Amino acid sequence: MKMSFSYFLLHSIFILFVSVSHSLSDLEVLLKLKSSMVGPSGSGLKDWNHSSPPSAHCSFSGVTCDDYSRVTSISISFVPLSGSIPPEIGHLKNLISLTLSATNLTGELPLEMSNLTSIKFINISSNNFSGTIHRSMIAKLTELEVFNVYNNNLSGKLPTEFVKLKRLKTLHLGGNYFSGEIPEVYSELQSLESLGEIPTTLGNLKMLEHLYLQVNQLGGQIPSELSGLISLKSLELSVNELSGHLPENLSELKNLILLNLFVNHFHGPVPGGKLRMLILMENYFSGPIPEEIGECESLVRVRLMKNLLNGTIPSRLLSLPLLNFLELNDNHFTGELPPQMSAKKLDRITLSNNSIAGKIPPAIGNLVSLTSLSLETNRLFGELPVEISNLKKLLKLDISGNNISGRFQLQLNLKAEETDFARLVKKPSEWPIPEEMGSMISLTILDLSYNNFSGLEMPMDWRGGIGIAHEVHYSSRENLDLLRAQFKWPRHITSVKFGDANGLNKKEILKVFHGDFIGSFESSILHEQLTISLGIR
């Protein structure tokens, strides 16, 4: 029994000795790395040599150690090595950061990299690594925040194990030969901030018809090599971090019908081309819209709002036969509206928040399919053209924030029974509220804000609803009285706004007598505005 115990003890000591003897020091690992990574045609790492001090390896070029002389970082870039990463790298248990970029390394990624359980940063981009990314290796790197293998020769399917890396912020996989689809589970990468740049090698896909890379945190610029996608019909890159000018040769894609780049950081001129849909809103595009866009008769939708565009609206843009949707709001357009308009399929025009001047041209009446017309906050003046009565389908009209004058003729048949939104101009003394508004049974919002009221006479024959005051008085701009009157407020109006009555101060007084209503009256001194919200029974 004693002999058995002694044998067991000796055997255990032997195993421990063998285990320790096979545990390499960080110095030995680095020398193994040099031996493997510096191939016959390579050079570099010449100072990675045996030295007598135990911590000599901490002074090797590109090596960083902690206080205990354990290697925590290796950073080598643009050094011609031409070898491969050996399995011994897995012994660097304290390694936090590994950069081996642009070093001509080849071979497969060793499975032993899965032992680097402390690592947070891996950048092995711009090499010639091949083979697959081992799924089991990825699953164990739970501290990983950055994984960059851009521009190598890796292949196979993309590992789904990336979704297990809860700290992962940057995943650069472009410029390789991965096959299959991007796994749907990648949508679970909630901490991801960047997926890298668009690889230039995509330009080699001559048969590719649709490229969808939206909402991917892609950075950099659109590579000019994409002009090689001669079959491309749809280019969808919206909601990324892309920037720079668009490649001039993008217009060479003769089959391209959809260009969607909204919510990025592009700047420079707007591209031309034979598109059906041009969607570039929320970028930094500047300059005028090219006049040749008026020759693009296939154009259906143009969305360029919230950029830095200027100049005049192209003369033929509002005459394109298939144009259905035009959004140019929140830019710096000037000049007048095009005098010729014949886009009979145009459903919506949004030109608000620009500096467009002049009169609304009579040709607006040719846009017979129009349901929404937003021209607010420009420099338009003059009267509304009588031809606006041709817009039988109009549901929304907003011409506030201009200098429109004259009487608002609802009797011009603005499809009053279907209108759900009306925002009027700021000349109440010249524009009494018309009686015809009482027939607008779908009207839900009436905005009369930012006016210079000296008296407001509501029509006496508005039908239905509850009794409510109809006069607005503010002598010395200190008192606002809403007095009960005999007319009936329409039941269907759910919101009424009298904002910024041009100077009402903090002494605003709201008096309501016998208000038979459901809802609330709220007086606010913020911005010296008064807002009245009614919930009608």
Protein backbone atom coordinates (compact mmCIF):
# COMPACT_ATOMS: atom_id res chain seq x y z
CA MET A 1 0.00 0.00 0.00
CA LYS A 2 2.85 2.32 0.91
CA MET A 3 4.59 1.38 -2.33
CA SER A 4 1.43 2.14 -4.30
CA PHE A 5 1.14 5.55 -2.66
CA SER A 6 4.82 6.30 -3.29
CA TYR A 7 4.43 5.25 -6.91
CA PHE A 8 1.38 7.51 -7.29
CA LEU A 9 3.24 10.45 -5.74
CA LEU A 10 6.26 10.00 -7.98
CA HIS A 11 4.03 9.64 -11.03
CA SER A 12 2.18 12.87 -10.17
CA ILE A 13 5.45 14.73 -9.68
CA PHE A 14 6.63 13.44 -13.04
CA ILE A 15 3.47 14.63 -14.78
CA LEU A 16 3.78 18.03 -13.11
CA PHE A 17 7.42 18.24 -14.19
CA VAL A 18 6.56 17.34 -17.76
CA SER A 19 3.70 19.88 -17.78
CA VAL A 20 5.93 22.66 -16.48
CA SER A 21 8.70 21.73 -18.85
CA HIS A 22 6.27 22.11 -21.76
CA SER A 23 5.02 25.52 -20.57
CA LEU A 24 6.98 27.98 -22.66
CA SER A 25 8.15 31.31 -21.33
CA ASP A 26 7.06 34.43 -23.17
CA LEU A 27 10.62 34.83 -24.46
CA GLU A 28 10.55 31.34 -25.92
CA VAL A 29 7.18 31.97 -27.52
CA LEU A 30 8.41 35.15 -29.18
CA LEU A 31 11.43 33.34 -30.56
CA LYS A 32 9.11 30.61 -31.91
CA LEU A 33 7.01 33.33 -33.51
CA LYS A 34 10.06 34.85 -35.17
CA SER A 35 11.24 31.48 -36.41
CA SER A 36 7.87 30.77 -38.00
CA MET A 37 6.85 34.21 -39.22
CA VAL A 38 10.13 35.26 -40.83
CA GLY A 39 10.16 33.06 -43.91
CA PRO A 40 13.00 32.46 -46.36
CA SER A 41 12.16 35.61 -48.30
CA GLY A 42 11.34 37.65 -45.22
CA SER A 43 13.29 39.97 -43.01
CA GLY A 44 12.62 41.98 -39.90
CA LEU A 45 12.44 41.21 -36.18
CA LYS A 46 16.23 41.25 -36.13
CA ASP A 47 16.31 42.38 -32.51
CA TRP A 48 14.23 39.37 -31.42
CA ASN A 49 17.17 37.31 -30.10
CA HIS A 50 18.26 35.34 -27.00
CA SER A 51 19.48 37.58 -24.22
CA SER A 52 20.58 36.84 -20.68
CA PRO A 53 18.18 39.15 -18.72
CA PRO A 54 14.84 37.40 -18.10
CA SER A 55 12.88 40.45 -19.27
CA ALA A 56 14.93 41.18 -22.39
CA HIS A 57 12.01 40.24 -24.61
CA CYS A 58 10.10 43.27 -23.31
CA SER A 59 12.46 45.49 -25.28
CA PHE A 60 11.85 43.66 -28.57
CA SER A 61 10.48 45.95 -31.26
CA GLY A 62 6.69 45.94 -31.26
CA VAL A 63 6.43 44.14 -27.90
CA THR A 64 4.84 45.53 -24.73
CA CYS A 65 4.91 43.84 -21.31
CA ASP A 66 3.18 44.31 -17.98
CA ASP A 67 4.91 44.80 -14.63
CA TYR A 68 5.58 41.06 -14.43
CA SER A 69 7.34 40.91 -17.82
CA ARG A 70 4.38 39.12 -19.39
CA VAL A 71 3.68 40.06 -23.00
CA THR A 72 0.45 42.05 -23.32
CA SER A 73 0.80 43.51 -26.81
CA ILE A 74 2.45 42.67 -30.13
CA SER A 75 2.24 45.34 -32.82
CA ILE A 76 4.02 44.76 -36.13
CA SER A 77 2.93 46.46 -39.34
CA PHE A 78 4.47 46.89 -42.79
CA VAL A 79 7.36 44.55 -41.98
CA PRO A 80 8.12 41.90 -44.66
CA LEU A 81 7.84 38.60 -42.81
CA SER A 82 6.28 36.15 -45.34
CA GLY A 83 5.91 33.25 -42.88
CA SER A 84 2.94 32.01 -40.83
CA ILE A 85 1.63 32.27 -37.26
CA PRO A 86 2.74 29.19 -35.25
CA PRO A 87 0.50 27.36 -32.76
CA GLU A 88 2.81 28.44 -29.92
CA ILE A 89 1.10 31.84 -29.96
CA GLY A 90 -1.55 30.27 -27.75
CA HIS A 91 0.91 30.30 -24.82
CA LEU A 92 0.73 34.10 -24.51
CA LYS A 93 -2.03 33.96 -21.90
CA ASN A 94 -1.73 37.66 -21.01
CA LEU A 95 -1.86 38.95 -24.57
CA ILE A 96 -4.45 41.72 -24.92
CA SER A 97 -3.61 43.20 -28.33
CA LEU A 98 -2.26 41.54 -31.48
CA THR A 99 -1.47 43.54 -34.63
CA LEU A 100 0.21 41.81 -37.56
CA SER A 101 -1.00 43.90 -40.50
CA ALA A 102 0.56 44.21 -43.96
CA THR A 103 3.34 41.74 -43.16
CA ASN A 104 2.90 39.21 -46.02
CA LEU A 105 1.97 36.44 -43.60
CA THR A 106 0.39 33.31 -45.06
CA GLY A 107 -1.15 30.03 -43.93
CA GLU A 108 -4.17 29.36 -41.76
CA LEU A 109 -5.05 30.92 -38.44
CA PRO A 110 -3.95 28.41 -35.77
CA LEU A 111 -6.71 26.95 -33.64
CA GLU A 112 -4.49 27.59 -30.60
CA MET A 113 -5.40 31.27 -30.85
CA SER A 114 -8.51 30.24 -28.91
CA ASN A 115 -6.26 30.10 -25.81
CA LEU A 116 -5.79 33.88 -25.95
CA THR A 117 -8.67 34.35 -23.55
CA SER A 118 -7.56 37.84 -22.44
CA ILE A 119 -7.26 39.28 -25.93
CA LYS A 120 -9.37 42.31 -26.86
CA PHE A 121 -7.85 43.47 -30.14
CA ILE A 122 -6.86 41.42 -33.20
CA ASN A 123 -5.76 43.12 -36.42
CA ILE A 124 -4.25 40.77 -39.01
CA SER A 125 -5.48 42.72 -42.04
CA SER A 126 -3.77 43.01 -45.44
CA ASN A 127 -1.98 39.67 -45.42
CA ASN A 128 -2.40 36.40 -47.30
CA PHE A 129 -4.04 34.24 -44.66
CA SER A 130 -6.18 31.46 -46.09
CA GLY A 131 -8.55 28.76 -44.87
CA THR A 132 -11.52 29.29 -42.59
CA ILE A 133 -12.09 31.13 -39.33
CA HIS A 134 -12.45 28.36 -36.76
CA ARG A 135 -15.79 28.56 -35.02
CA SER A 136 -14.42 27.09 -31.79
CA MET A 137 -11.63 29.67 -31.77
CA ILE A 138 -14.04 32.60 -32.01
CA ALA A 139 -16.35 31.25 -29.32
CA LYS A 140 -13.61 31.30 -26.67
CA LEU A 141 -12.41 34.87 -27.27
CA THR A 142 -15.05 36.33 -24.98
CA GLU A 143 -13.15 39.57 -24.26
CA LEU A 144 -12.68 40.43 -27.94
CA GLU A 145 -13.69 43.97 -28.97
CA VAL A 146 -12.01 44.32 -32.38
CA PHE A 147 -11.54 41.59 -35.00
CA ASN A 148 -10.02 42.81 -38.27
CA VAL A 149 -9.12 40.31 -41.00
CA TYR A 150 -9.74 42.71 -43.88
CA ASN A 151 -8.04 41.98 -47.21
CA ASN A 152 -6.87 38.37 -46.89
CA ASN A 153 -7.74 35.11 -48.66
CA LEU A 154 -10.00 33.64 -46.02
CA SER A 155 -12.92 31.54 -47.22
CA GLY A 156 -15.82 29.39 -46.05
CA LYS A 157 -18.96 30.46 -44.24
CA LEU A 158 -19.01 33.28 -41.72
CA PRO A 159 -19.05 31.92 -38.16
CA THR A 160 -22.23 32.54 -36.22
CA GLU A 161 -20.18 32.44 -33.01
CA PHE A 162 -19.42 36.15 -33.35
CA VAL A 163 -22.80 36.85 -31.75
CA LYS A 164 -21.52 35.28 -28.51
CA LEU A 165 -18.90 38.02 -28.21
CA LYS A 166 -20.91 40.55 -26.25
CA ARG A 167 -18.06 43.10 -26.17
CA LEU A 168 -17.42 43.04 -29.94
CA LYS A 169 -17.52 46.56 -31.39
CA THR A 170 -15.62 46.29 -34.68
CA LEU A 171 -15.84 43.40 -37.14
CA HIS A 172 -13.91 43.84 -40.40
CA LEU A 173 -14.36 40.86 -42.72
CA GLY A 174 -14.18 42.52 -46.14
CA GLY A 175 -11.75 41.71 -48.92
CA ASN A 176 -11.93 37.94 -48.44
CA TYR A 177 -13.68 35.04 -50.17
CA PHE A 178 -16.37 34.10 -47.70
CA SER A 179 -19.30 32.21 -49.17
CA GLY A 180 -22.97 31.98 -48.35
CA GLU A 181 -25.12 34.69 -46.81
CA ILE A 182 -24.44 36.98 -43.88
CA PRO A 183 -25.99 35.07 -40.95
CA GLU A 184 -29.25 36.55 -39.71
CA VAL A 185 -28.03 36.16 -36.13
CA TYR A 186 -25.53 38.97 -36.79
CA SER A 187 -28.44 41.27 -36.04
CA GLU A 188 -27.87 40.31 -32.40
CA LEU A 189 -24.48 42.08 -32.37
CA GLN A 190 -25.91 44.92 -30.32
CA SER A 191 -22.52 46.39 -29.34
CA LEU A 192 -21.16 46.49 -32.89
CA GLU A 193 -20.02 49.94 -34.02
CA SER A 194 -18.16 49.25 -37.28
CA LEU A 195 -18.10 46.61 -39.99
CA GLY A 196 -15.20 48.14 -41.89
CA GLU A 197 -15.06 49.54 -45.40
CA ILE A 198 -16.58 48.40 -48.66
CA PRO A 199 -14.01 46.03 -50.23
CA THR A 200 -12.72 47.09 -53.64
CA THR A 201 -12.89 43.47 -54.82
CA LEU A 202 -16.67 43.78 -55.04
CA GLY A 203 -16.07 45.46 -58.38
CA ASN A 204 -15.17 42.07 -59.84
CA LEU A 205 -18.74 40.76 -59.51
CA LYS A 206 -19.81 41.45 -63.07
CA MET A 207 -23.14 39.64 -62.74
CA LEU A 208 -24.20 41.25 -59.45
CA GLU A 209 -27.56 43.03 -59.79
CA HIS A 210 -28.41 44.08 -56.23
CA LEU A 211 -26.00 45.21 -53.51
CA TYR A 212 -27.64 45.78 -50.13
CA LEU A 213 -25.28 46.93 -47.35
CA GLN A 214 -27.57 49.26 -45.43
CA VAL A 215 -27.39 49.73 -41.64
CA ASN A 216 -23.94 48.16 -41.26
CA GLN A 217 -21.74 50.89 -39.72
CA LEU A 218 -19.57 50.80 -42.86
CA GLY A 219 -16.97 53.56 -43.03
CA GLY A 220 -14.65 55.08 -45.61
CA GLN A 221 -15.64 55.97 -49.16
CA ILE A 222 -17.41 54.19 -51.97
CA PRO A 223 -14.54 52.62 -53.95
CA SER A 224 -14.35 53.64 -57.60
CA GLU A 225 -13.95 49.95 -58.43
CA LEU A 226 -17.71 49.55 -57.99
CA SER A 227 -18.01 50.94 -61.52
CA GLY A 228 -17.10 47.40 -62.56
CA LEU A 229 -20.53 46.18 -61.43
CA ILE A 230 -21.89 46.47 -64.95
CA SER A 231 -25.08 44.52 -64.16
CA LEU A 232 -25.93 46.43 -60.97
CA LYS A 233 -29.52 47.65 -60.67
CA SER A 234 -29.78 48.55 -56.98
CA LEU A 235 -27.14 50.12 -54.73
CA GLU A 236 -28.41 50.40 -51.15
CA LEU A 237 -25.89 51.85 -48.66
CA SER A 238 -28.15 53.83 -46.36
CA VAL A 239 -27.57 54.38 -42.63
CA ASN A 240 -23.81 53.83 -42.51
CA GLU A 241 -20.79 56.02 -41.74
CA LEU A 242 -19.67 56.45 -45.35
CA SER A 243 -18.18 59.77 -46.44
CA GLY A 244 -16.37 61.59 -49.23
CA HIS A 245 -17.44 62.37 -52.79
CA LEU A 246 -19.33 59.85 -54.85
CA PRO A 247 -17.12 58.29 -57.55
CA GLU A 248 -17.59 60.09 -60.86
CA ASN A 249 -17.64 56.78 -62.72
CA LEU A 250 -20.72 55.72 -60.76
CA SER A 251 -22.73 57.22 -63.62
CA GLU A 252 -21.24 54.55 -65.89
CA LEU A 253 -23.53 51.96 -64.30
CA LYS A 254 -26.09 52.06 -67.11
CA ASN A 255 -28.41 49.53 -65.46
CA LEU A 256 -28.55 51.30 -62.08
CA ILE A 257 -32.12 52.33 -61.22
CA LEU A 258 -31.95 52.68 -57.41
CA LEU A 259 -29.33 54.73 -55.54
CA ASN A 260 -30.08 54.95 -51.82
CA LEU A 261 -27.43 56.62 -49.66
CA PHE A 262 -29.48 58.38 -47.01
CA VAL A 263 -28.05 59.04 -43.53
CA ASN A 264 -24.32 59.03 -44.28
CA HIS A 265 -21.67 61.74 -44.49
CA PHE A 266 -21.30 62.17 -48.25
CA HIS A 267 -20.54 65.59 -49.68
CA GLY A 268 -19.95 67.16 -53.05
CA PRO A 269 -22.29 67.33 -56.04
CA VAL A 270 -25.40 65.25 -56.63
CA PRO A 271 -24.82 62.57 -59.29
CA GLY A 272 -26.70 62.33 -62.56
CA GLY A 273 -27.56 59.13 -64.39
CA LYS A 274 -30.61 57.24 -65.61
CA LEU A 275 -32.15 56.43 -62.26
CA ARG A 276 -35.68 55.69 -61.11
CA MET A 277 -35.04 56.41 -57.44
CA LEU A 278 -32.51 58.91 -56.11
CA ILE A 279 -32.50 58.88 -52.31
CA LEU A 280 -29.72 60.97 -50.74
CA MET A 281 -31.33 62.74 -47.79
CA GLU A 282 -29.49 63.59 -44.57
CA ASN A 283 -25.98 63.95 -45.99
CA TYR A 284 -23.78 66.93 -46.83
CA PHE A 285 -24.30 67.16 -50.58
CA SER A 286 -23.82 70.70 -51.84
CA GLY A 287 -24.12 72.74 -54.99
CA PRO A 288 -27.04 72.73 -57.41
CA ILE A 289 -29.01 69.76 -58.68
CA PRO A 290 -27.65 69.12 -62.19
CA GLU A 291 -29.99 70.32 -64.94
CA GLU A 292 -29.56 67.02 -66.77
CA ILE A 293 -31.67 65.35 -64.09
CA GLY A 294 -34.60 66.80 -66.02
CA GLU A 295 -33.70 64.48 -68.88
CA CYS A 296 -34.09 61.39 -66.71
CA GLU A 297 -37.62 60.51 -67.79
CA SER A 298 -37.57 57.24 -65.83
CA LEU A 299 -37.21 59.09 -62.51
CA VAL A 300 -39.98 58.21 -60.05
CA ARG A 301 -38.75 59.31 -56.63
CA VAL A 302 -36.32 62.09 -55.60
CA ARG A 303 -35.52 62.53 -51.91
CA LEU A 304 -32.73 65.06 -51.28
CA MET A 305 -33.94 66.78 -48.13
CA LYS A 306 -31.63 67.85 -45.30
CA ASN A 307 -28.49 68.50 -47.31
CA LEU A 308 -26.60 71.67 -48.26
CA LEU A 309 -27.94 71.97 -51.80
CA ASN A 310 -28.43 75.38 -53.39
CA GLY A 311 -29.24 77.03 -56.68
CA THR A 312 -32.58 76.80 -58.43
CA ILE A 313 -34.81 73.80 -58.91
CA PRO A 314 -34.07 72.34 -62.37
CA SER A 315 -36.58 73.66 -64.89
CA ARG A 316 -37.75 70.26 -66.15
CA LEU A 317 -37.79 68.40 -62.84
CA LEU A 318 -41.48 69.07 -62.20
CA SER A 319 -42.37 67.93 -65.71
CA LEU A 320 -40.95 64.41 -65.57
CA PRO A 321 -43.73 62.07 -66.71
CA LEU A 322 -43.20 59.34 -64.07
CA LEU A 323 -42.18 61.50 -61.11
CA ASN A 324 -44.28 60.59 -58.07
CA PHE A 325 -42.42 61.91 -55.03
CA LEU A 326 -40.25 65.03 -54.64
CA GLU A 327 -38.65 66.01 -51.32
CA LEU A 328 -36.18 68.91 -51.37
CA ASN A 329 -36.93 70.48 -48.00
CA ASP A 330 -34.31 71.78 -45.56
CA ASN A 331 -31.73 72.91 -48.10
CA HIS A 332 -30.66 76.31 -49.45
CA PHE A 333 -32.54 76.50 -52.75
CA THR A 334 -33.20 79.96 -54.14
CA GLY A 335 -34.78 81.41 -57.27
CA GLU A 336 -38.35 80.81 -58.33
CA LEU A 337 -40.41 77.69 -58.85
CA PRO A 338 -40.21 76.34 -62.41
CA PRO A 339 -42.89 78.05 -64.54
CA GLN A 340 -43.60 74.82 -66.38
CA MET A 341 -45.06 71.88 -64.45
CA SER A 342 -46.67 68.86 -66.07
CA ALA A 343 -45.79 65.87 -63.86
CA LYS A 344 -49.29 64.41 -63.81
CA LYS A 345 -48.30 61.47 -61.58
CA LEU A 346 -46.70 63.63 -58.90
CA ASP A 347 -48.30 62.81 -55.55
CA ARG A 348 -46.20 64.78 -53.04
CA ILE A 349 -44.08 67.93 -53.15
CA THR A 350 -42.09 69.03 -50.09
CA LEU A 351 -40.03 72.19 -50.60
CA SER A 352 -40.26 73.68 -47.12
CA ASN A 353 -37.44 75.47 -45.29
CA ASN A 354 -35.62 76.89 -48.29
CA SER A 355 -35.34 80.40 -49.74
CA ILE A 356 -37.51 79.95 -52.81
CA ALA A 357 -39.01 83.28 -53.91
CA GLY A 358 -41.53 84.58 -56.42
CA LYS A 359 -45.13 83.64 -57.00
CA ILE A 360 -46.63 80.18 -57.08
CA PRO A 361 -46.97 79.62 -60.84
CA PRO A 362 -50.36 78.84 -62.39
CA ALA A 363 -48.85 75.62 -63.77
CA ILE A 364 -49.22 74.14 -60.26
CA GLY A 365 -52.75 73.31 -61.37
CA ASN A 366 -51.37 70.79 -63.87
CA LEU A 367 -50.23 68.48 -61.05
CA VAL A 368 -53.62 66.84 -60.87
CA SER A 369 -52.49 63.83 -58.77
CA LEU A 370 -51.08 65.99 -55.99
CA THR A 371 -52.24 65.04 -52.46
CA SER A 372 -49.64 66.97 -50.43
CA LEU A 373 -48.13 70.38 -51.12
CA SER A 374 -45.65 71.75 -48.54
CA LEU A 375 -44.16 75.13 -49.38
CA GLU A 376 -43.86 76.57 -45.88
CA THR A 377 -41.01 78.80 -44.72
CA ASN A 378 -39.82 80.18 -48.02
CA ARG A 379 -40.02 83.66 -49.60
CA LEU A 380 -43.07 83.19 -51.78
CA PHE A 381 -45.42 86.13 -52.28
CA GLY A 382 -48.48 87.14 -54.22
CA GLU A 383 -51.85 85.44 -54.38
CA LEU A 384 -52.56 81.76 -54.72
CA PRO A 385 -53.21 81.04 -58.39
CA VAL A 386 -56.78 80.23 -59.27
CA GLU A 387 -55.51 77.08 -61.02
CA ILE A 388 -54.92 75.47 -57.64
CA SER A 389 -58.61 74.56 -57.81
CA ASN A 390 -57.62 71.79 -60.23
CA LEU A 391 -55.97 69.87 -57.39
CA LYS A 392 -59.00 67.74 -56.60
CA LYS A 393 -57.00 65.16 -54.62
CA LEU A 394 -55.17 67.61 -52.36
CA LEU A 395 -55.20 66.50 -48.70
CA LYS A 396 -52.46 68.68 -47.23
CA LEU A 397 -51.65 72.29 -47.99
CA ASP A 398 -48.96 74.18 -46.08
CA ILE A 399 -47.97 77.63 -47.30
CA SER A 400 -47.23 79.24 -43.94
CA GLY A 401 -44.08 81.25 -43.38
CA ASN A 402 -44.35 83.09 -46.70
CA ASN A 403 -45.85 86.41 -47.77
CA ILE A 404 -48.90 85.12 -49.58
CA SER A 405 -51.72 87.65 -49.81
CA GLY A 406 -55.34 87.75 -50.93
CA ARG A 407 -58.31 85.65 -49.91
CA PHE A 408 -58.01 81.93 -49.45
CA GLN A 409 -60.72 80.61 -51.74
CA LEU A 410 -61.78 77.25 -50.40
CA GLN A 411 -64.70 77.44 -52.77
CA LEU A 412 -62.14 76.70 -55.47
CA ASN A 413 -62.98 73.08 -54.72
CA LEU A 414 -59.87 72.00 -52.81
CA LYS A 415 -61.59 68.68 -52.13
CA ALA A 416 -62.69 70.21 -48.87
CA GLU A 417 -64.51 67.13 -47.67
CA GLU A 418 -61.26 65.11 -47.65
CA THR A 419 -58.71 67.64 -46.47
CA ASP A 420 -57.16 66.62 -43.14
CA PHE A 421 -54.51 69.31 -42.77
CA ALA A 422 -54.48 73.02 -43.51
CA ARG A 423 -51.81 75.47 -42.44
CA LEU A 424 -52.69 78.96 -43.54
CA VAL A 425 -50.71 82.12 -44.20
CA LYS A 426 -50.00 84.94 -41.83
CA LYS A 427 -52.29 87.67 -43.11
CA PRO A 428 -55.51 87.20 -41.12
CA SER A 429 -56.74 90.73 -41.72
CA GLU A 430 -56.64 90.06 -45.46
CA TRP A 431 -57.63 86.43 -45.18
CA PRO A 432 -60.76 86.00 -43.10
CA ILE A 433 -61.34 82.38 -42.17
CA PRO A 434 -63.71 81.17 -44.89
CA GLU A 435 -67.09 79.70 -44.13
CA GLU A 436 -66.34 76.83 -46.50
CA MET A 437 -63.90 75.39 -43.98
CA GLY A 438 -66.89 74.18 -42.01
CA SER A 439 -67.56 71.59 -44.71
CA MET A 440 -64.12 70.02 -44.36
CA ILE A 441 -65.37 66.98 -42.47
CA SER A 442 -61.94 65.29 -42.39
CA LEU A 443 -60.07 68.34 -41.15
CA THR A 444 -58.22 67.39 -37.96
CA ILE A 445 -55.55 70.09 -37.68
CA LEU A 446 -56.04 73.82 -38.10
CA ASP A 447 -52.83 75.77 -37.56
CA LEU A 448 -53.19 79.55 -37.37
CA SER A 449 -49.97 80.07 -35.44
CA TYR A 450 -47.54 82.98 -35.68
CA ASN A 451 -50.08 85.58 -36.72
CA ASN A 452 -50.70 89.22 -35.92
CA PHE A 453 -54.30 88.90 -34.80
CA SER A 454 -56.19 92.08 -34.03
CA GLY A 455 -59.50 90.27 -34.21
CA LEU A 456 -60.64 86.88 -35.35
CA GLU A 457 -64.14 86.40 -36.67
CA MET A 458 -65.06 82.74 -36.87
CA PRO A 459 -67.82 82.03 -39.41
CA MET A 460 -71.22 81.87 -37.77
CA ASP A 461 -72.50 78.97 -39.84
CA TRP A 462 -69.91 76.35 -38.94
CA ARG A 463 -72.12 73.37 -38.27
CA GLY A 464 -72.16 70.81 -35.49
CA GLY A 465 -69.92 70.41 -32.51
CA ILE A 466 -69.89 72.35 -29.29
CA GLY A 467 -70.28 75.96 -28.38
CA ILE A 468 -67.00 77.82 -27.97
CA ALA A 469 -65.79 81.40 -28.11
CA HIS A 470 -65.03 82.96 -31.44
CA GLU A 471 -63.38 86.28 -30.73
CA VAL A 472 -59.74 86.95 -29.89
CA HIS A 473 -58.87 90.28 -28.30
CA TYR A 474 -55.65 91.42 -26.70
CA SER A 475 -55.60 95.12 -25.92
CA SER A 476 -52.03 96.27 -25.27
CA ARG A 477 -51.07 92.66 -26.01
CA GLU A 478 -51.76 91.76 -22.42
CA ASN A 479 -55.12 90.07 -22.44
CA LEU A 480 -56.50 87.30 -24.55
CA ASP A 481 -60.20 86.60 -24.10
CA LEU A 482 -62.02 83.71 -25.61
CA LEU A 483 -65.71 84.53 -25.25
CA ARG A 484 -68.61 82.21 -25.77
CA ALA A 485 -70.46 82.86 -29.02
CA GLN A 486 -73.51 81.49 -30.77
CA PHE A 487 -71.86 79.61 -33.60
CA LYS A 488 -71.09 75.91 -33.42
CA TRP A 489 -67.49 74.65 -33.60
CA PRO A 490 -67.12 71.62 -35.94
CA ARG A 491 -66.93 68.37 -34.00
CA HIS A 492 -64.22 66.89 -36.18
CA ILE A 493 -61.54 69.50 -35.44
CA THR A 494 -59.29 67.97 -32.78
CA SER A 495 -56.46 70.50 -32.64
CA VAL A 496 -56.46 74.27 -32.82
CA LYS A 497 -53.35 76.35 -32.36
CA PHE A 498 -52.99 80.10 -31.83
CA GLY A 499 -49.23 80.38 -31.33
CA ASP A 500 -47.02 83.41 -30.78
CA ALA A 501 -49.76 85.98 -31.24
CA ASN A 502 -46.96 88.38 -32.11
CA GLY A 503 -45.94 89.57 -28.69
CA LEU A 504 -48.22 88.22 -26.00
CA ASN A 505 -46.28 88.52 -22.78
CA LYS A 506 -46.32 86.77 -19.43
CA LYS A 507 -49.54 88.58 -18.45
CA GLU A 508 -51.52 86.43 -20.84
CA ILE A 509 -54.93 85.76 -19.40
CA LEU A 510 -57.19 83.07 -20.71
CA LYS A 511 -60.89 83.42 -19.95
CA VAL A 512 -63.29 80.73 -21.03
CA PHE A 513 -66.98 80.99 -20.20
CA HIS A 514 -69.29 77.97 -20.18
CA GLY A 515 -66.92 75.86 -22.26
CA ASP A 516 -68.75 72.66 -23.10
CA PHE A 517 -65.71 70.68 -24.18
CA ILE A 518 -63.58 67.65 -23.39
CA GLY A 519 -59.85 68.27 -23.33
CA SER A 520 -57.62 71.00 -22.01
CA PHE A 521 -56.68 74.62 -22.49
CA GLU A 522 -53.03 75.16 -21.79
CA SER A 523 -51.35 78.55 -21.57
CA SER A 524 -47.57 78.55 -21.96
CA ILE A 525 -45.18 81.45 -21.54
CA LEU A 526 -42.44 79.54 -23.31
CA HIS A 527 -41.52 81.51 -26.42
CA GLU A 528 -44.51 83.72 -25.58
CA GLN A 529 -46.89 81.31 -27.25
CA LEU A 530 -50.40 80.25 -26.45
CA THR A 531 -51.47 76.79 -27.48
CA ILE A 532 -55.02 75.52 -27.22
CA SER A 533 -55.65 71.81 -27.57
CA LEU A 534 -59.20 70.57 -27.81
CA GLY A 535 -60.44 67.03 -27.61
CA ILE A 536 -63.88 67.17 -29.21
CA ARG A 537 -66.66 64.84 -28.15
